[in-house]
Amino acid sequence: EEALIYFNKVMKYRDNMHITDIIYMANCQSHLNLLIDI
């Protein structure tokens, strides 16, 4: 949950988010049973 907060901040401030950050962000959403939104 906390990790996802900071991945969302990365997405906000980086024009081209690194693919590994995107993958880990999606995994956070999966663990939290959220819609995968990357």
PDB file of all heavy atoms in Angstrom:
ATOM      1  N   GLU A   1       0.826  -1.204   0.000  1.00  0.00           N
ATOM      2  CA  GLU A   1       0.000   0.000   0.000  1.00  0.00           C
ATOM      3  C   GLU A   1       0.865   1.262   0.000  1.00  0.00           C
ATOM      4  O   GLU A   1       0.636   2.196  -0.785  1.00  0.00           O
ATOM      5  CB  GLU A   1      -0.935  -0.002   1.210  1.00  0.00           C
ATOM      6  CG  GLU A   1      -1.971   1.106   1.177  1.00  0.00           C
ATOM      7  CD  GLU A   1      -3.036   0.941   2.246  1.00  0.00           C
ATOM      8  OE1 GLU A   1      -2.980  -0.046   3.015  1.00  0.00           O
ATOM      9  OE2 GLU A   1      -3.933   1.803   2.306  1.00  0.00           O
ATOM     10  N   GLU A   2       1.881   1.286   0.866  1.00  0.00           N
ATOM     11  CA  GLU A   2       2.782   2.437   0.914  1.00  0.00           C
ATOM     12  C   GLU A   2       3.640   2.505  -0.342  1.00  0.00           C
ATOM     13  O   GLU A   2       3.899   3.596  -0.875  1.00  0.00           O
ATOM     14  CB  GLU A   2       3.674   2.357   2.153  1.00  0.00           C
ATOM     15  CG  GLU A   2       2.963   2.630   3.455  1.00  0.00           C
ATOM     16  CD  GLU A   2       2.490   4.075   3.564  1.00  0.00           C
ATOM     17  OE1 GLU A   2       3.264   4.980   3.201  1.00  0.00           O
ATOM     18  OE2 GLU A   2       1.337   4.292   3.994  1.00  0.00           O
ATOM     19  N   ALA A   3       4.087   1.355  -0.818  1.00  0.00           N
ATOM     20  CA  ALA A   3       4.901   1.328  -2.039  1.00  0.00           C
ATOM     21  C   ALA A   3       4.139   1.927  -3.214  1.00  0.00           C
ATOM     22  O   ALA A   3       4.694   2.691  -4.014  1.00  0.00           O
ATOM     23  CB  ALA A   3       5.325  -0.095  -2.363  1.00  0.00           C
ATOM     24  N   LEU A   4       2.861   1.605  -3.310  1.00  0.00           N
ATOM     25  CA  LEU A   4       2.047   2.101  -4.424  1.00  0.00           C
ATOM     26  C   LEU A   4       1.941   3.624  -4.391  1.00  0.00           C
ATOM     27  O   LEU A   4       1.926   4.278  -5.446  1.00  0.00           O
ATOM     28  CB  LEU A   4       0.662   1.464  -4.386  1.00  0.00           C
ATOM     29  CG  LEU A   4      -0.267   1.786  -5.565  1.00  0.00           C
ATOM     30  CD1 LEU A   4       0.378   1.418  -6.892  1.00  0.00           C
ATOM     31  CD2 LEU A   4      -1.602   1.056  -5.392  1.00  0.00           C
ATOM     32  N   ILE A   5       1.885   4.201  -3.208  1.00  0.00           N
ATOM     33  CA  ILE A   5       1.843   5.664  -3.083  1.00  0.00           C
ATOM     34  C   ILE A   5       3.058   6.287  -3.749  1.00  0.00           C
ATOM     35  O   ILE A   5       2.955   7.266  -4.504  1.00  0.00           O
ATOM     36  CB  ILE A   5       1.768   6.073  -1.599  1.00  0.00           C
ATOM     37  CG1 ILE A   5       0.410   5.694  -1.004  1.00  0.00           C
ATOM     38  CG2 ILE A   5       2.028   7.573  -1.437  1.00  0.00           C
ATOM     39  CD1 ILE A   5       0.318   5.886   0.495  1.00  0.00           C
ATOM     40  N   TYR A   6       4.223   5.686  -3.506  1.00  0.00           N
ATOM     41  CA  TYR A   6       5.452   6.260  -4.065  1.00  0.00           C
ATOM     42  C   TYR A   6       5.621   5.917  -5.538  1.00  0.00           C
ATOM     43  O   TYR A   6       6.190   6.722  -6.298  1.00  0.00           O
ATOM     44  CB  TYR A   6       6.656   5.826  -3.227  1.00  0.00           C
ATOM     45  CG  TYR A   6       6.716   6.583  -1.923  1.00  0.00           C
ATOM     46  CD1 TYR A   6       6.115   6.083  -0.775  1.00  0.00           C
ATOM     47  CD2 TYR A   6       7.329   7.834  -1.863  1.00  0.00           C
ATOM     48  CE1 TYR A   6       6.127   6.802   0.415  1.00  0.00           C
ATOM     49  CE2 TYR A   6       7.354   8.556  -0.679  1.00  0.00           C
ATOM     50  CZ  TYR A   6       6.751   8.044   0.451  1.00  0.00           C
ATOM     51  OH  TYR A   6       6.758   8.769   1.611  1.00  0.00           O
ATOM     52  N   PHE A   7       5.131   4.760  -5.978  1.00  0.00           N
ATOM     53  CA  PHE A   7       5.159   4.475  -7.421  1.00  0.00           C
ATOM     54  C   PHE A   7       4.276   5.468  -8.172  1.00  0.00           C
ATOM     55  O   PHE A   7       4.613   5.894  -9.279  1.00  0.00           O
ATOM     56  CB  PHE A   7       4.702   3.040  -7.698  1.00  0.00           C
ATOM     57  CG  PHE A   7       5.764   2.000  -7.490  1.00  0.00           C
ATOM     58  CD1 PHE A   7       5.535   0.912  -6.657  1.00  0.00           C
ATOM     59  CD2 PHE A   7       6.988   2.103  -8.130  1.00  0.00           C
ATOM     60  CE1 PHE A   7       6.519  -0.049  -6.467  1.00  0.00           C
ATOM     61  CE2 PHE A   7       7.988   1.146  -7.942  1.00  0.00           C
ATOM     62  CZ  PHE A   7       7.742   0.068  -7.103  1.00  0.00           C
ATOM     63  N   ASN A   8       3.162   5.842  -7.574  1.00  0.00           N
ATOM     64  CA  ASN A   8       2.293   6.848  -8.202  1.00  0.00           C
ATOM     65  C   ASN A   8       2.994   8.197  -8.293  1.00  0.00           C
ATOM     66  O   ASN A   8       2.794   8.944  -9.265  1.00  0.00           O
ATOM     67  CB  ASN A   8       0.983   6.984  -7.421  1.00  0.00           C
ATOM     68  CG  ASN A   8       0.003   5.866  -7.734  1.00  0.00           C
ATOM     69  OD1 ASN A   8      -0.078   5.400  -8.871  1.00  0.00           O
ATOM     70  ND2 ASN A   8      -0.735   5.416  -6.733  1.00  0.00           N
ATOM     71  N   LYS A   9       3.819   8.513  -7.302  1.00  0.00           N
ATOM     72  CA  LYS A   9       4.588   9.757  -7.361  1.00  0.00           C
ATOM     73  C   LYS A   9       5.639   9.689  -8.467  1.00  0.00           C
ATOM     74  O   LYS A   9       5.890  10.692  -9.150  1.00  0.00           O
ATOM     75  CB  LYS A   9       5.259  10.023  -6.008  1.00  0.00           C
ATOM     76  CG  LYS A   9       4.285  10.404  -4.909  1.00  0.00           C
ATOM     77  CD  LYS A   9       5.014  10.720  -3.614  1.00  0.00           C
ATOM     78  CE  LYS A   9       4.022  11.102  -2.511  1.00  0.00           C
ATOM     79  NZ  LYS A   9       4.706  11.449  -1.239  1.00  0.00           N
ATOM     80  N   VAL A  10       6.249   8.526  -8.645  1.00  0.00           N
ATOM     81  CA  VAL A  10       7.206   8.350  -9.745  1.00  0.00           C
ATOM     82  C   VAL A  10       6.512   8.620 -11.076  1.00  0.00           C
ATOM     83  O   VAL A  10       7.032   9.342 -11.931  1.00  0.00           O
ATOM     84  CB  VAL A  10       7.802   6.925  -9.746  1.00  0.00           C
ATOM     85  CG1 VAL A  10       8.713   6.728 -10.970  1.00  0.00           C
ATOM     86  CG2 VAL A  10       8.583   6.663  -8.467  1.00  0.00           C
ATOM     87  N   MET A  11       5.332   8.053 -11.239  1.00  0.00           N
ATOM     88  CA  MET A  11       4.568   8.226 -12.477  1.00  0.00           C
ATOM     89  C   MET A  11       4.241   9.699 -12.709  1.00  0.00           C
ATOM     90  O   MET A  11       4.249  10.183 -13.846  1.00  0.00           O
ATOM     91  CB  MET A  11       3.288   7.395 -12.419  1.00  0.00           C
ATOM     92  CG  MET A  11       2.468   7.425 -13.709  1.00  0.00           C
ATOM     93  SD  MET A  11       1.126   6.209 -13.691  1.00  0.00           S
ATOM     94  CE  MET A  11       0.165   6.786 -12.287  1.00  0.00           C
ATOM     95  N   LYS A  12       3.982  10.421 -11.634  1.00  0.00           N
ATOM     96  CA  LYS A  12       3.631  11.841 -11.738  1.00  0.00           C
ATOM     97  C   LYS A  12       4.814  12.685 -12.192  1.00  0.00           C
ATOM     98  O   LYS A  12       4.649  13.642 -12.980  1.00  0.00           O
ATOM     99  CB  LYS A  12       3.124  12.334 -10.377  1.00  0.00           C
ATOM    100  CG  LYS A  12       2.782  13.816 -10.347  1.00  0.00           C
ATOM    101  CD  LYS A  12       2.301  14.231  -8.955  1.00  0.00           C
ATOM    102  CE  LYS A  12       2.005  15.733  -8.893  1.00  0.00           C
ATOM    103  NZ  LYS A  12       1.566  16.146  -7.530  1.00  0.00           N
ATOM    104  N   TYR A  13       6.016  12.349 -11.732  1.00  0.00           N
ATOM    105  CA  TYR A  13       7.170  13.215 -11.970  1.00  0.00           C
ATOM    106  C   TYR A  13       8.115  12.717 -13.066  1.00  0.00           C
ATOM    107  O   TYR A  13       9.030  13.438 -13.450  1.00  0.00           O
ATOM    108  CB  TYR A  13       7.962  13.393 -10.674  1.00  0.00           C
ATOM    109  CG  TYR A  13       7.249  14.271  -9.681  1.00  0.00           C
ATOM    110  CD1 TYR A  13       6.568  13.723  -8.591  1.00  0.00           C
ATOM    111  CD2 TYR A  13       7.239  15.655  -9.823  1.00  0.00           C
ATOM    112  CE1 TYR A  13       5.898  14.530  -7.676  1.00  0.00           C
ATOM    113  CE2 TYR A  13       6.574  16.469  -8.916  1.00  0.00           C
ATOM    114  CZ  TYR A  13       5.909  15.900  -7.849  1.00  0.00           C
ATOM    115  OH  TYR A  13       5.238  16.707  -6.948  1.00  0.00           O
ATOM    116  N   ARG A  14       7.912  11.515 -13.562  1.00  0.00           N
ATOM    117  CA  ARG A  14       8.792  11.000 -14.620  1.00  0.00           C
ATOM    118  C   ARG A  14       7.992  10.813 -15.898  1.00  0.00           C
ATOM    119  O   ARG A  14       6.986  10.105 -15.918  1.00  0.00           O
ATOM    120  CB  ARG A  14       9.427   9.675 -14.196  1.00  0.00           C
ATOM    121  CG  ARG A  14      10.395   9.105 -15.238  1.00  0.00           C
ATOM    122  CD  ARG A  14      11.022   7.813 -14.741  1.00  0.00           C
ATOM    123  NE  ARG A  14      11.951   8.064 -13.657  1.00  0.00           N
ATOM    124  CZ  ARG A  14      12.509   7.100 -12.927  1.00  0.00           C
ATOM    125  NH1 ARG A  14      12.201   5.839 -13.160  1.00  0.00           N
ATOM    126  NH2 ARG A  14      13.353   7.406 -11.966  1.00  0.00           N
ATOM    127  N   ASP A  15       8.445  11.450 -16.973  1.00  0.00           N
ATOM    128  CA  ASP A  15       7.732  11.357 -18.252  1.00  0.00           C
ATOM    129  C   ASP A  15       7.721   9.930 -18.779  1.00  0.00           C
ATOM    130  O   ASP A  15       6.699   9.442 -19.257  1.00  0.00           O
ATOM    131  CB  ASP A  15       8.377  12.295 -19.284  1.00  0.00           C
ATOM    132  CG  ASP A  15       8.190  13.762 -18.913  1.00  0.00           C
ATOM    133  OD1 ASP A  15       7.201  14.067 -18.226  1.00  0.00           O
ATOM    134  OD2 ASP A  15       9.036  14.585 -19.306  1.00  0.00           O
ATOM    135  N   ASN A  16       8.863   9.271 -18.698  1.00  0.00           N
ATOM    136  CA  ASN A  16       8.964   7.881 -19.160  1.00  0.00           C
ATOM    137  C   ASN A  16       9.338   6.998 -17.977  1.00  0.00           C
ATOM    138  O   ASN A  16      10.520   6.829 -17.660  1.00  0.00           O
ATOM    139  CB  ASN A  16      10.015   7.754 -20.274  1.00  0.00           C
ATOM    140  CG  ASN A  16       9.625   8.534 -21.514  1.00  0.00           C
ATOM    141  OD1 ASN A  16       8.524   8.383 -22.021  1.00  0.00           O
ATOM    142  ND2 ASN A  16      10.529   9.388 -21.990  1.00  0.00           N
ATOM    143  N   MET A  17       8.335   6.459 -17.325  1.00  0.00           N
ATOM    144  CA  MET A  17       8.547   5.624 -16.139  1.00  0.00           C
ATOM    145  C   MET A  17       9.272   4.345 -16.537  1.00  0.00           C
ATOM    146  O   MET A  17       8.953   3.712 -17.547  1.00  0.00           O
ATOM    147  CB  MET A  17       7.191   5.282 -15.517  1.00  0.00           C
ATOM    148  CG  MET A  17       7.267   4.703 -14.134  1.00  0.00           C
ATOM    149  SD  MET A  17       5.591   4.580 -13.427  1.00  0.00           S
ATOM    150  CE  MET A  17       5.951   3.791 -11.855  1.00  0.00           C
ATOM    151  N   HIS A  18      10.276   3.961 -15.738  1.00  0.00           N
ATOM    152  CA  HIS A  18      11.062   2.771 -16.065  1.00  0.00           C
ATOM    153  C   HIS A  18      10.197   1.524 -15.995  1.00  0.00           C
ATOM    154  O   HIS A  18       9.341   1.391 -15.119  1.00  0.00           O
ATOM    155  CB  HIS A  18      12.256   2.639 -15.113  1.00  0.00           C
ATOM    156  CG  HIS A  18      13.291   1.685 -15.594  1.00  0.00           C
ATOM    157  ND1 HIS A  18      13.188   0.337 -15.391  1.00  0.00           N
ATOM    158  CD2 HIS A  18      14.435   1.881 -16.300  1.00  0.00           C
ATOM    159  CE1 HIS A  18      14.239  -0.274 -15.931  1.00  0.00           C
ATOM    160  NE2 HIS A  18      15.016   0.640 -16.487  1.00  0.00           N
ATOM    161  N   ILE A  19      10.455   0.597 -16.890  1.00  0.00           N
ATOM    162  CA  ILE A  19       9.596  -0.583 -17.012  1.00  0.00           C
ATOM    163  C   ILE A  19       9.575  -1.420 -15.732  1.00  0.00           C
ATOM    164  O   ILE A  19       8.529  -1.979 -15.371  1.00  0.00           O
ATOM    165  CB  ILE A  19      10.023  -1.440 -18.225  1.00  0.00           C
ATOM    166  CG1 ILE A  19       8.950  -2.516 -18.503  1.00  0.00           C
ATOM    167  CG2 ILE A  19      11.404  -2.030 -18.034  1.00  0.00           C
ATOM    168  CD1 ILE A  19       9.162  -3.252 -19.813  1.00  0.00           C
ATOM    169  N   THR A  20      10.703  -1.509 -15.022  1.00  0.00           N
ATOM    170  CA  THR A  20      10.698  -2.306 -13.786  1.00  0.00           C
ATOM    171  C   THR A  20       9.823  -1.655 -12.719  1.00  0.00           C
ATOM    172  O   THR A  20       9.132  -2.345 -11.966  1.00  0.00           O
ATOM    173  CB  THR A  20      12.121  -2.513 -13.243  1.00  0.00           C
ATOM    174  OG1 THR A  20      12.784  -1.250 -13.145  1.00  0.00           O
ATOM    175  CG2 THR A  20      12.916  -3.429 -14.147  1.00  0.00           C
ATOM    176  N   ASP A  21       9.845  -0.315 -12.660  1.00  0.00           N
ATOM    177  CA  ASP A  21       8.952   0.379 -11.731  1.00  0.00           C
ATOM    178  C   ASP A  21       7.490   0.112 -12.084  1.00  0.00           C
ATOM    179  O   ASP A  21       6.647  -0.075 -11.200  1.00  0.00           O
ATOM    180  CB  ASP A  21       9.213   1.890 -11.758  1.00  0.00           C
ATOM    181  CG  ASP A  21      10.427   2.297 -10.947  1.00  0.00           C
ATOM    182  OD1 ASP A  21      10.922   1.464 -10.166  1.00  0.00           O
ATOM    183  OD2 ASP A  21      10.884   3.445 -11.080  1.00  0.00           O
ATOM    184  N   ILE A  22       7.192   0.084 -13.379  1.00  0.00           N
ATOM    185  CA  ILE A  22       5.819  -0.183 -13.824  1.00  0.00           C
ATOM    186  C   ILE A  22       5.388  -1.588 -13.400  1.00  0.00           C
ATOM    187  O   ILE A  22       4.269  -1.801 -12.909  1.00  0.00           O
ATOM    188  CB  ILE A  22       5.695  -0.028 -15.352  1.00  0.00           C
ATOM    189  CG1 ILE A  22       5.942   1.422 -15.760  1.00  0.00           C
ATOM    190  CG2 ILE A  22       4.326  -0.494 -15.837  1.00  0.00           C
ATOM    191  CD1 ILE A  22       5.974   1.653 -17.267  1.00  0.00           C
ATOM    192  N   ILE A  23       6.272  -2.553 -13.567  1.00  0.00           N
ATOM    193  CA  ILE A  23       5.959  -3.943 -13.219  1.00  0.00           C
ATOM    194  C   ILE A  23       5.717  -4.088 -11.715  1.00  0.00           C
ATOM    195  O   ILE A  23       4.746  -4.719 -11.281  1.00  0.00           O
ATOM    196  CB  ILE A  23       7.085  -4.879 -13.697  1.00  0.00           C
ATOM    197  CG1 ILE A  23       7.068  -4.966 -15.234  1.00  0.00           C
ATOM    198  CG2 ILE A  23       6.947  -6.273 -13.079  1.00  0.00           C
ATOM    199  CD1 ILE A  23       8.295  -5.631 -15.818  1.00  0.00           C
ATOM    200  N   TYR A  24       6.592  -3.488 -10.914  1.00  0.00           N
ATOM    201  CA  TYR A  24       6.408  -3.567  -9.462  1.00  0.00           C
ATOM    202  C   TYR A  24       5.176  -2.794  -9.009  1.00  0.00           C
ATOM    203  O   TYR A  24       4.499  -3.189  -8.052  1.00  0.00           O
ATOM    204  CB  TYR A  24       7.660  -3.072  -8.740  1.00  0.00           C
ATOM    205  CG  TYR A  24       8.799  -4.060  -8.770  1.00  0.00           C
ATOM    206  CD1 TYR A  24      10.004  -3.766  -9.402  1.00  0.00           C
ATOM    207  CD2 TYR A  24       8.674  -5.299  -8.167  1.00  0.00           C
ATOM    208  CE1 TYR A  24      11.038  -4.685  -9.436  1.00  0.00           C
ATOM    209  CE2 TYR A  24       9.697  -6.232  -8.186  1.00  0.00           C
ATOM    210  CZ  TYR A  24      10.892  -5.909  -8.826  1.00  0.00           C
ATOM    211  OH  TYR A  24      11.904  -6.834  -8.854  1.00  0.00           O
ATOM    212  N   MET A  25       4.885  -1.705  -9.688  1.00  0.00           N
ATOM    213  CA  MET A  25       3.669  -0.941  -9.402  1.00  0.00           C
ATOM    214  C   MET A  25       2.437  -1.813  -9.650  1.00  0.00           C
ATOM    215  O   MET A  25       1.509  -1.860  -8.827  1.00  0.00           O
ATOM    216  CB  MET A  25       3.628   0.303 -10.287  1.00  0.00           C
ATOM    217  CG  MET A  25       2.401   1.165 -10.119  1.00  0.00           C
ATOM    218  SD  MET A  25       2.483   2.573 -11.274  1.00  0.00           S
ATOM    219  CE  MET A  25       1.005   3.458 -10.805  1.00  0.00           C
ATOM    220  N   ALA A  26       2.422  -2.512 -10.778  1.00  0.00           N
ATOM    221  CA  ALA A  26       1.306  -3.399 -11.103  1.00  0.00           C
ATOM    222  C   ALA A  26       1.179  -4.521 -10.087  1.00  0.00           C
ATOM    223  O   ALA A  26       0.068  -4.913  -9.704  1.00  0.00           O
ATOM    224  CB  ALA A  26       1.493  -3.974 -12.509  1.00  0.00           C
ATOM    225  N   ASN A  27       2.315  -5.028  -9.619  1.00  0.00           N
ATOM    226  CA  ASN A  27       2.287  -6.092  -8.628  1.00  0.00           C
ATOM    227  C   ASN A  27       1.702  -5.618  -7.310  1.00  0.00           C
ATOM    228  O   ASN A  27       0.987  -6.364  -6.625  1.00  0.00           O
ATOM    229  CB  ASN A  27       3.694  -6.655  -8.421  1.00  0.00           C
ATOM    230  CG  ASN A  27       3.726  -7.827  -7.472  1.00  0.00           C
ATOM    231  OD1 ASN A  27       4.296  -7.755  -6.398  1.00  0.00           O
ATOM    232  ND2 ASN A  27       3.094  -8.931  -7.855  1.00  0.00           N
ATOM    233  N   CYS A  28       1.981  -4.356  -6.946  1.00  0.00           N
ATOM    234  CA  CYS A  28       1.342  -3.769  -5.758  1.00  0.00           C
ATOM    235  C   CYS A  28      -0.171  -3.758  -5.932  1.00  0.00           C
ATOM    236  O   CYS A  28      -0.919  -4.144  -5.016  1.00  0.00           O
ATOM    237  CB  CYS A  28       1.829  -2.344  -5.536  1.00  0.00           C
ATOM    238  SG  CYS A  28       3.519  -2.186  -4.952  1.00  0.00           S
ATOM    239  N   GLN A  29      -0.628  -3.310  -7.085  1.00  0.00           N
ATOM    240  CA  GLN A  29      -2.064  -3.263  -7.364  1.00  0.00           C
ATOM    241  C   GLN A  29      -2.673  -4.657  -7.302  1.00  0.00           C
ATOM    242  O   GLN A  29      -3.786  -4.836  -6.786  1.00  0.00           O
ATOM    243  CB  GLN A  29      -2.290  -2.622  -8.735  1.00  0.00           C
ATOM    244  CG  GLN A  29      -1.881  -1.161  -8.788  1.00  0.00           C
ATOM    245  CD  GLN A  29      -1.826  -0.606 -10.199  1.00  0.00           C
ATOM    246  OE1 GLN A  29      -1.886  -1.349 -11.181  1.00  0.00           O
ATOM    247  NE2 GLN A  29      -1.714   0.709 -10.320  1.00  0.00           N
ATOM    248  N   SER A  30      -1.941  -5.642  -7.798  1.00  0.00           N
ATOM    249  CA  SER A  30      -2.417  -7.028  -7.758  1.00  0.00           C
ATOM    250  C   SER A  30      -2.556  -7.519  -6.318  1.00  0.00           C
ATOM    251  O   SER A  30      -3.565  -8.129  -5.953  1.00  0.00           O
ATOM    252  CB  SER A  30      -1.452  -7.928  -8.538  1.00  0.00           C
ATOM    253  OG  SER A  30      -1.809  -9.283  -8.414  1.00  0.00           O
ATOM    254  N   HIS A  31      -1.550  -7.266  -5.495  1.00  0.00           N
ATOM    255  CA  HIS A  31      -1.601  -7.684  -4.095  1.00  0.00           C
ATOM    256  C   HIS A  31      -2.760  -7.031  -3.356  1.00  0.00           C
ATOM    257  O   HIS A  31      -3.348  -7.646  -2.449  1.00  0.00           O
ATOM    258  CB  HIS A  31      -0.292  -7.330  -3.389  1.00  0.00           C
ATOM    259  CG  HIS A  31       0.775  -8.366  -3.527  1.00  0.00           C
ATOM    260  ND1 HIS A  31       0.820  -9.498  -2.753  1.00  0.00           N
ATOM    261  CD2 HIS A  31       1.849  -8.428  -4.355  1.00  0.00           C
ATOM    262  CE1 HIS A  31       1.873 -10.227  -3.090  1.00  0.00           C
ATOM    263  NE2 HIS A  31       2.514  -9.597  -4.055  1.00  0.00           N
ATOM    264  N   LEU A  32      -3.076  -5.808  -3.726  1.00  0.00           N
ATOM    265  CA  LEU A  32      -4.138  -5.059  -3.055  1.00  0.00           C
ATOM    266  C   LEU A  32      -5.506  -5.281  -3.703  1.00  0.00           C
ATOM    267  O   LEU A  32      -6.494  -4.655  -3.311  1.00  0.00           O
ATOM    268  CB  LEU A  32      -3.788  -3.566  -3.074  1.00  0.00           C
ATOM    269  CG  LEU A  32      -2.509  -3.182  -2.314  1.00  0.00           C
ATOM    270  CD1 LEU A  32      -2.122  -1.740  -2.625  1.00  0.00           C
ATOM    271  CD2 LEU A  32      -2.683  -3.385  -0.821  1.00  0.00           C
ATOM    272  N   ASN A  33      -5.539  -6.191  -4.701  1.00  0.00           N
ATOM    273  CA  ASN A  33      -6.777  -6.502  -5.431  1.00  0.00           C
ATOM    274  C   ASN A  33      -7.413  -5.265  -6.052  1.00  0.00           C
ATOM    275  O   ASN A  33      -8.634  -5.081  -6.030  1.00  0.00           O
ATOM    276  CB  ASN A  33      -7.780  -7.213  -4.503  1.00  0.00           C
ATOM    277  CG  ASN A  33      -7.294  -8.595  -4.090  1.00  0.00           C
ATOM    278  OD1 ASN A  33      -6.822  -9.363  -4.918  1.00  0.00           O
ATOM    279  ND2 ASN A  33      -7.391  -8.891  -2.815  1.00  0.00           N
ATOM    280  N   LEU A  34      -6.548  -4.403  -6.593  1.00  0.00           N
ATOM    281  CA  LEU A  34      -6.998  -3.215  -7.289  1.00  0.00           C
ATOM    282  C   LEU A  34      -6.984  -3.455  -8.798  1.00  0.00           C
ATOM    283  O   LEU A  34      -6.346  -4.396  -9.285  1.00  0.00           O
ATOM    284  CB  LEU A  34      -6.082  -2.027  -6.958  1.00  0.00           C
ATOM    285  CG  LEU A  34      -5.995  -1.618  -5.487  1.00  0.00           C
ATOM    286  CD1 LEU A  34      -4.932  -0.538  -5.302  1.00  0.00           C
ATOM    287  CD2 LEU A  34      -7.348  -1.130  -4.982  1.00  0.00           C
ATOM    288  N   LEU A  35      -7.653  -2.593  -9.526  1.00  0.00           N
ATOM    289  CA  LEU A  35      -7.583  -2.627 -10.979  1.00  0.00           C
ATOM    290  C   LEU A  35      -6.147  -2.338 -11.398  1.00  0.00           C
ATOM    291  O   LEU A  35      -5.515  -1.423 -10.880  1.00  0.00           O
ATOM    292  CB  LEU A  35      -8.527  -1.572 -11.562  1.00  0.00           C
ATOM    293  CG  LEU A  35      -8.529  -1.424 -13.097  1.00  0.00           C
ATOM    294  CD1 LEU A  35      -9.194  -2.641 -13.729  1.00  0.00           C
ATOM    295  CD2 LEU A  35      -9.270  -0.150 -13.493  1.00  0.00           C
ATOM    296  N   ILE A  36      -5.636  -3.132 -12.329  1.00  0.00           N
ATOM    297  CA  ILE A  36      -4.286  -2.882 -12.825  1.00  0.00           C
ATOM    298  C   ILE A  36      -4.333  -1.663 -13.731  1.00  0.00           C
ATOM    299  O   ILE A  36      -4.940  -1.680 -14.799  1.00  0.00           O
ATOM    300  CB  ILE A  36      -3.723  -4.099 -13.589  1.00  0.00           C
ATOM    301  CG1 ILE A  36      -3.721  -5.342 -12.695  1.00  0.00           C
ATOM    302  CG2 ILE A  36      -2.312  -3.788 -14.100  1.00  0.00           C
ATOM    303  CD1 ILE A  36      -2.881  -5.229 -11.450  1.00  0.00           C
ATOM    304  N   ASP A  37      -3.674  -0.613 -13.282  1.00  0.00           N
ATOM    305  CA  ASP A  37      -3.696   0.670 -13.986  1.00  0.00           C
ATOM    306  C   ASP A  37      -2.270   1.187 -14.079  1.00  0.00           C
ATOM    307  O   ASP A  37      -1.748   1.774 -13.125  1.00  0.00           O
ATOM    308  CB  ASP A  37      -4.592   1.662 -13.242  1.00  0.00           C
ATOM    309  CG  ASP A  37      -4.717   2.995 -13.968  1.00  0.00           C
ATOM    310  OD1 ASP A  37      -4.363   3.047 -15.161  1.00  0.00           O
ATOM    311  OD2 ASP A  37      -5.144   3.969 -13.334  1.00  0.00           O
ATOM    312  N   ILE A  38      -1.626   0.950 -15.209  1.00  0.00           N
ATOM    313  CA  ILE A  38      -0.213   1.302 -15.375  1.00  0.00           C
ATOM    314  C   ILE A  38      -0.012   2.101 -16.661  1.00  0.00           C
ATOM    315  O   ILE A  38      -0.846   2.056 -17.569  1.00  0.00           O
ATOM    316  CB  ILE A  38       0.671   0.034 -15.406  1.00  0.00           C
ATOM    317  CG1 ILE A  38       0.195  -0.947 -16.493  1.00  0.00           C
ATOM    318  CG2 ILE A  38       0.705  -0.634 -14.041  1.00  0.00           C
ATOM    319  CD1 ILE A  38       1.049  -2.196 -16.616  1.00  0.00           C
TER     320      ILE A  38
END
